[in-house]
PDB file of N, CA and C in Angstrom:
ATOM      1  N   MET A   1      22.553   0.867 141.611  1.00  0.00           N
ATOM      2  CA  MET A   1      23.333   2.043 141.023  1.00  0.00           C
ATOM      3  C   MET A   1      22.450   3.199 140.858  1.00  0.00           C
ATOM      4  N   ARG A   2      21.436   3.248 140.648  1.00  0.00           N
ATOM      5  CA  ARG A   2      20.262   4.060 140.090  1.00  0.00           C
ATOM      6  C   ARG A   2      20.163   4.891 141.551  1.00  0.00           C
ATOM      7  N   ASN A   3      20.663   4.569 142.768  1.00  0.00           N
ATOM      8  CA  ASN A   3      20.382   4.884 144.226  1.00  0.00           C
ATOM      9  C   ASN A   3      21.784   5.917 144.377  1.00  0.00           C
ATOM     10  N   ILE A   4      22.719   5.251 143.994  1.00  0.00           N
ATOM     11  CA  ILE A   4      24.117   6.126 143.698  1.00  0.00           C
ATOM     12  C   ILE A   4      23.815   7.077 142.792  1.00  0.00           C
ATOM     13  N   ARG A   5      23.719   7.196 141.630  1.00  0.00           N
ATOM     14  CA  ARG A   5      23.213   8.313 140.876  1.00  0.00           C
ATOM     15  C   ARG A   5      22.584   9.324 141.054  1.00  0.00           C
ATOM     16  N   GLY A   6      21.523   8.627 141.828  1.00  0.00           N
ATOM     17  CA  GLY A   6      20.546   9.701 142.129  1.00  0.00           C
ATOM     18  C   GLY A   6      21.232  10.582 143.647  1.00  0.00           C
ATOM     19  N   PHE A   7      21.634  10.021 143.869  1.00  0.00           N
ATOM     20  CA  PHE A   7      22.417  10.574 145.519  1.00  0.00           C
ATOM     21  C   PHE A   7      23.113  11.554 144.963  1.00  0.00           C
ATOM     22  N   MET A   8      24.511  11.344 143.817  1.00  0.00           N
ATOM     23  CA  MET A   8      25.232  12.317 143.359  1.00  0.00           C
ATOM     24  C   MET A   8      24.401  13.505 142.360  1.00  0.00           C
ATOM     25  N   ILE A   9      23.449  13.450 142.188  1.00  0.00           N
ATOM     26  CA  ILE A   9      22.782  13.932 141.192  1.00  0.00           C
ATOM     27  C   ILE A   9      22.179  15.491 142.122  1.00  0.00           C
ATOM     28  N   HIS A  10      21.370  15.010 143.080  1.00  0.00           N
ATOM     29  CA  HIS A  10      20.666  15.816 144.422  1.00  0.00           C
ATOM     30  C   HIS A  10      21.749  16.461 144.898  1.00  0.00           C
ATOM     31  N   ASN A  11      23.004  15.978 145.092  1.00  0.00           N
ATOM     32  CA  ASN A  11      23.873  16.521 146.465  1.00  0.00           C
ATOM     33  C   ASN A  11      25.287  16.476 145.774  1.00  0.00           C
ATOM     34  N   ILE A  12      25.255  17.210 144.405  1.00  0.00           N
ATOM     35  CA  ILE A  12      26.348  17.189 143.860  1.00  0.00           C
ATOM     36  C   ILE A  12      27.369  18.072 144.262  1.00  0.00           C
ATOM     37  N   ASN A  13      26.841  19.061 145.118  1.00  0.00           N
ATOM     38  CA  ASN A  13      27.767  20.296 145.694  1.00  0.00           C
ATOM     39  C   ASN A  13      28.338  19.878 146.649  1.00  0.00           C
ATOM     40  N   TYR A  14      27.967  18.755 147.738  1.00  0.00           N
ATOM     41  CA  TYR A  14      28.749  17.682 148.644  1.00  0.00           C
ATOM     42  C   TYR A  14      29.718  17.147 148.190  1.00  0.00           C
ATOM     43  N   VAL A  15      28.994  16.420 147.224  1.00  0.00           N
ATOM     44  CA  VAL A  15      30.443  15.321 146.693  1.00  0.00           C
ATOM     45  C   VAL A  15      31.298  16.217 145.964  1.00  0.00           C
ATOM     46  N   TYR A  16      30.987  17.513 145.430  1.00  0.00           N
ATOM     47  CA  TYR A  16      32.172  18.602 145.088  1.00  0.00           C
ATOM     48  C   TYR A  16      33.059  18.703 145.729  1.00  0.00           C
ATOM     49  N   ALA A  17      32.452  19.486 146.895  1.00  0.00           N
ATOM     50  CA  ALA A  17      33.099  19.734 148.460  1.00  0.00           C
ATOM     51  C   ALA A  17      34.183  18.646 148.847  1.00  0.00           C
ATOM     52  N   ILE A  18      33.622  17.375 149.070  1.00  0.00           N
ATOM     53  CA  ILE A  18      34.617  16.489 149.546  1.00  0.00           C
ATOM     54  C   ILE A  18      35.384  16.148 148.954  1.00  0.00           C
ATOM     55  N   LEU A  19      35.193  15.957 147.312  1.00  0.00           N
ATOM     56  CA  LEU A  19      36.118  15.525 146.382  1.00  0.00           C
ATOM     57  C   LEU A  19      37.241  16.611 146.406  1.00  0.00           C
ATOM     58  N   THR A  20      37.276  17.953 146.370  1.00  0.00           N
ATOM     59  CA  THR A  20      37.729  18.941 145.966  1.00  0.00           C
ATOM     60  C   THR A  20      39.183  18.886 147.530  1.00  0.00           C
ATOM     61  N   TRP A  21      38.282  18.780 148.923  1.00  0.00           N
ATOM     62  CA  TRP A  21      38.578  18.574 150.181  1.00  0.00           C
ATOM     63  C   TRP A  21      40.099  17.361 150.041  1.00  0.00           C
ATOM     64  N   LEU A  22      39.344  16.633 149.572  1.00  0.00           N
ATOM     65  CA  LEU A  22      40.262  15.075 149.341  1.00  0.00           C
ATOM     66  C   LEU A  22      41.758  15.648 148.213  1.00  0.00           C
ATOM     67  N   GLY A  23      41.704  16.198 147.042  1.00  0.00           N
ATOM     68  CA  GLY A  23      42.402  16.725 146.933  1.00  0.00           C
ATOM     69  C   GLY A  23      43.481  17.621 146.742  1.00  0.00           C
ATOM     70  N   MET A  24      42.946  18.810 147.728  1.00  0.00           N
ATOM     71  CA  MET A  24      43.673  19.311 148.126  1.00  0.00           C
ATOM     72  C   MET A  24      44.263  18.755 149.716  1.00  0.00           C
ATOM     73  N   LEU A  25      44.043  17.703 150.081  1.00  0.00           N
ATOM     74  CA  LEU A  25      45.197  16.786 151.047  1.00  0.00           C
ATOM     75  C   LEU A  25      46.075  16.379 150.453  1.00  0.00           C
ATOM     76  N   LEU A  26      45.851  15.844 149.266  1.00  0.00           N
ATOM     77  CA  LEU A  26      46.866  15.365 148.495  1.00  0.00           C
ATOM     78  C   LEU A  26      47.943  15.927 147.436  1.00  0.00           C
ATOM     79  N   ILE A  27      47.147  17.492 147.068  1.00  0.00           N
ATOM     80  CA  ILE A  27      48.246  18.458 147.214  1.00  0.00           C
ATOM     81  C   ILE A  27      49.119  18.723 148.457  1.00  0.00           C
ATOM     82  N   TYR A  28      48.487  18.945 149.395  1.00  0.00           N
ATOM     83  CA  TYR A  28      49.158  19.277 150.831  1.00  0.00           C
ATOM     84  C   TYR A  28      50.299  18.377 151.009  1.00  0.00           C
ATOM     85  N   TRP A  29      49.805  17.301 151.279  1.00  0.00           N
ATOM     86  CA  TRP A  29      50.540  15.772 151.291  1.00  0.00           C
ATOM     87  C   TRP A  29      52.151  15.929 150.606  1.00  0.00           C
ATOM     88  N   TYR A  30      51.943  15.797 149.372  1.00  0.00           N
ATOM     89  CA  TYR A  30      52.775  16.057 148.289  1.00  0.00           C
ATOM     90  C   TYR A  30      53.573  17.319 148.099  1.00  0.00           C
ATOM     91  N   LEU A  31      53.477  18.255 148.780  1.00  0.00           N
ATOM     92  CA  LEU A  31      54.061  19.637 149.054  1.00  0.00           C
ATOM     93  C   LEU A  31      54.795  19.438 150.543  1.00  0.00           C
ATOM     94  N   ASP A  32      54.342  18.928 151.052  1.00  0.00           N
ATOM     95  CA  ASP A  32      54.630  18.896 152.536  1.00  0.00           C
ATOM     96  C   ASP A  32      56.146  17.742 152.532  1.00  0.00           C
ATOM     97  N   TYR A  33      55.473  16.504 152.040  1.00  0.00           N
ATOM     98  CA  TYR A  33      56.414  15.949 152.590  1.00  0.00           C
ATOM     99  C   TYR A  33      57.410  15.110 151.141  1.00  0.00           C
ATOM    100  N   LYS A  34      57.032  15.251 150.048  1.00  0.00           N
ATOM    101  CA  LYS A  34      57.764  14.968 148.746  1.00  0.00           C
ATOM    102  C   LYS A  34      58.891  16.442 148.551  1.00  0.00           C
ATOM    103  N   VAL A  35      58.233  17.791 148.565  1.00  0.00           N
ATOM    104  CA  VAL A  35      58.934  18.294 148.318  1.00  0.00           C
ATOM    105  C   VAL A  35      59.623  19.324 149.097  1.00  0.00           C
ATOM    106  N   TYR A  36      58.945  19.243 150.285  1.00  0.00           N
ATOM    107  CA  TYR A  36      59.756  20.012 151.108  1.00  0.00           C
ATOM    108  C   TYR A  36      60.336  19.268 152.295  1.00  0.00           C
ATOM    109  N   GLY A  37      60.371  17.817 152.538  1.00  0.00           N
ATOM    110  CA  GLY A  37      61.037  16.858 152.872  1.00  0.00           C
ATOM    111  C   GLY A  37      60.093  17.046 154.781  1.00  0.00           C
ATOM    112  N   GLY A  38      58.855  17.443 154.706  1.00  0.00           N
ATOM    113  CA  GLY A  38      58.234  17.461 155.823  1.00  0.00           C
ATOM    114  C   GLY A  38      58.912  19.156 156.984  1.00  0.00           C
ATOM    115  N   ASN A  39      58.924  19.650 156.497  1.00  0.00           N
ATOM    116  CA  ASN A  39      59.489  20.932 157.164  1.00  0.00           C
ATOM    117  C   ASN A  39      58.874  22.013 157.117  1.00  0.00           C
ATOM    118  N   LEU A  40      57.213  21.987 156.575  1.00  0.00           N
ATOM    119  CA  LEU A  40      56.605  22.894 156.787  1.00  0.00           C
ATOM    120  C   LEU A  40      55.852  23.134 158.062  1.00  0.00           C
ATOM    121  N   ASN A  41      55.959  24.309 158.442  1.00  0.00           N
ATOM    122  CA  ASN A  41      54.942  24.509 160.123  1.00  0.00           C
ATOM    123  C   ASN A  41      53.659  24.412 160.113  1.00  0.00           C
ATOM    124  N   LEU A  42      53.091  23.565 159.172  1.00  0.00           N
ATOM    125  CA  LEU A  42      51.466  23.565 159.404  1.00  0.00           C
ATOM    126  C   LEU A  42      51.365  21.945 159.290  1.00  0.00           C
ATOM    127  N   GLY A  43      50.491  21.256 160.297  1.00  0.00           N
ATOM    128  CA  GLY A  43      50.689  20.278 160.188  1.00  0.00           C
ATOM    129  C   GLY A  43      49.421  19.344 159.543  1.00  0.00           C
ATOM    130  N   PHE A  44      49.832  18.129 159.042  1.00  0.00           N
ATOM    131  CA  PHE A  44      49.020  17.710 158.116  1.00  0.00           C
ATOM    132  C   PHE A  44      47.954  17.189 158.849  1.00  0.00           C
ATOM    133  N   LYS A  45      47.800  16.807 160.053  1.00  0.00           N
ATOM    134  CA  LYS A  45      46.802  16.820 160.887  1.00  0.00           C
ATOM    135  C   LYS A  45      45.702  17.517 160.892  1.00  0.00           C
ATOM    136  N   ASP A  46      46.205  19.000 161.057  1.00  0.00           N
ATOM    137  CA  ASP A  46      45.466  19.893 161.392  1.00  0.00           C
ATOM    138  C   ASP A  46      45.064  20.241 160.072  1.00  0.00           C
ATOM    139  N   VAL A  47      45.292  20.125 158.858  1.00  0.00           N
ATOM    140  CA  VAL A  47      44.293  20.026 157.652  1.00  0.00           C
ATOM    141  C   VAL A  47      43.472  19.071 157.380  1.00  0.00           C
ATOM    142  N   LEU A  48      43.819  18.231 157.656  1.00  0.00           N
ATOM    143  CA  LEU A  48      42.995  16.986 157.804  1.00  0.00           C
ATOM    144  C   LEU A  48      41.679  16.942 158.688  1.00  0.00           C
ATOM    145  N   ILE A  49      41.570  17.592 159.893  1.00  0.00           N
ATOM    146  CA  ILE A  49      40.986  17.553 160.674  1.00  0.00           C
ATOM    147  C   ILE A  49      39.761  18.687 160.874  1.00  0.00           C
ATOM    148  N   TYR A  50      40.203  19.932 160.763  1.00  0.00           N
ATOM    149  CA  TYR A  50      39.857  21.044 161.142  1.00  0.00           C
ATOM    150  C   TYR A  50      38.653  21.380 160.066  1.00  0.00           C
ATOM    151  N   PRO A  51      38.876  21.235 158.777  1.00  0.00           N
ATOM    152  CA  PRO A  51      37.451  21.179 157.797  1.00  0.00           C
ATOM    153  C   PRO A  51      36.101  20.625 158.051  1.00  0.00           C
ATOM    154  N   PRO A  52      36.613  19.288 158.177  1.00  0.00           N
ATOM    155  CA  PRO A  52      35.520  18.713 158.804  1.00  0.00           C
ATOM    156  C   PRO A  52      34.553  19.182 159.976  1.00  0.00           C
ATOM    157  N   ILE A  53      35.519  19.835 160.906  1.00  0.00           N
ATOM    158  CA  ILE A  53      34.959  20.204 162.075  1.00  0.00           C
ATOM    159  C   ILE A  53      34.025  21.413 161.983  1.00  0.00           C
ATOM    160  N   PHE A  54      34.774  21.939 160.972  1.00  0.00           N
ATOM    161  CA  PHE A  54      33.951  23.213 160.535  1.00  0.00           C
ATOM    162  C   PHE A  54      32.452  23.339 160.010  1.00  0.00           C
ATOM    163  N   ALA A  55      32.897  22.276 159.320  1.00  0.00           N
ATOM    164  CA  ALA A  55      31.413  21.917 158.291  1.00  0.00           C
ATOM    165  C   ALA A  55      30.383  21.266 159.357  1.00  0.00           C
ATOM    166  N   LEU A  56      30.872  20.252 160.168  1.00  0.00           N
ATOM    167  CA  LEU A  56      29.744  20.205 161.136  1.00  0.00           C
ATOM    168  C   LEU A  56      29.252  21.369 161.836  1.00  0.00           C
ATOM    169  N   ILE A  57      30.410  22.078 162.396  1.00  0.00           N
ATOM    170  CA  ILE A  57      29.694  23.395 163.168  1.00  0.00           C
ATOM    171  C   ILE A  57      28.701  24.334 162.183  1.00  0.00           C
ATOM    172  N   PHE A  58      29.051  24.451 160.959  1.00  0.00           N
ATOM    173  CA  PHE A  58      28.438  25.250 160.321  1.00  0.00           C
ATOM    174  C   PHE A  58      27.028  24.505 160.069  1.00  0.00           C
ATOM    175  N   PHE A  59      27.161  22.985 159.728  1.00  0.00           N
ATOM    176  CA  PHE A  59      25.350  22.402 159.648  1.00  0.00           C
ATOM    177  C   PHE A  59      25.004  22.256 161.166  1.00  0.00           C
TER     178      PHE A  59
END
């Protein structure tokens, strides 16, 4: 338990970025499939795949 807490304290920005990205995915999924019935032009897979690729390129 101490290792997980220590990791989160030292890398809180990365943890926050991942949680924010997951929250954005949930909001986008809800809007795309529940509100608009899957009629948005942006693909859910694009929103799921591109941010991690850009992050890996950045680092």
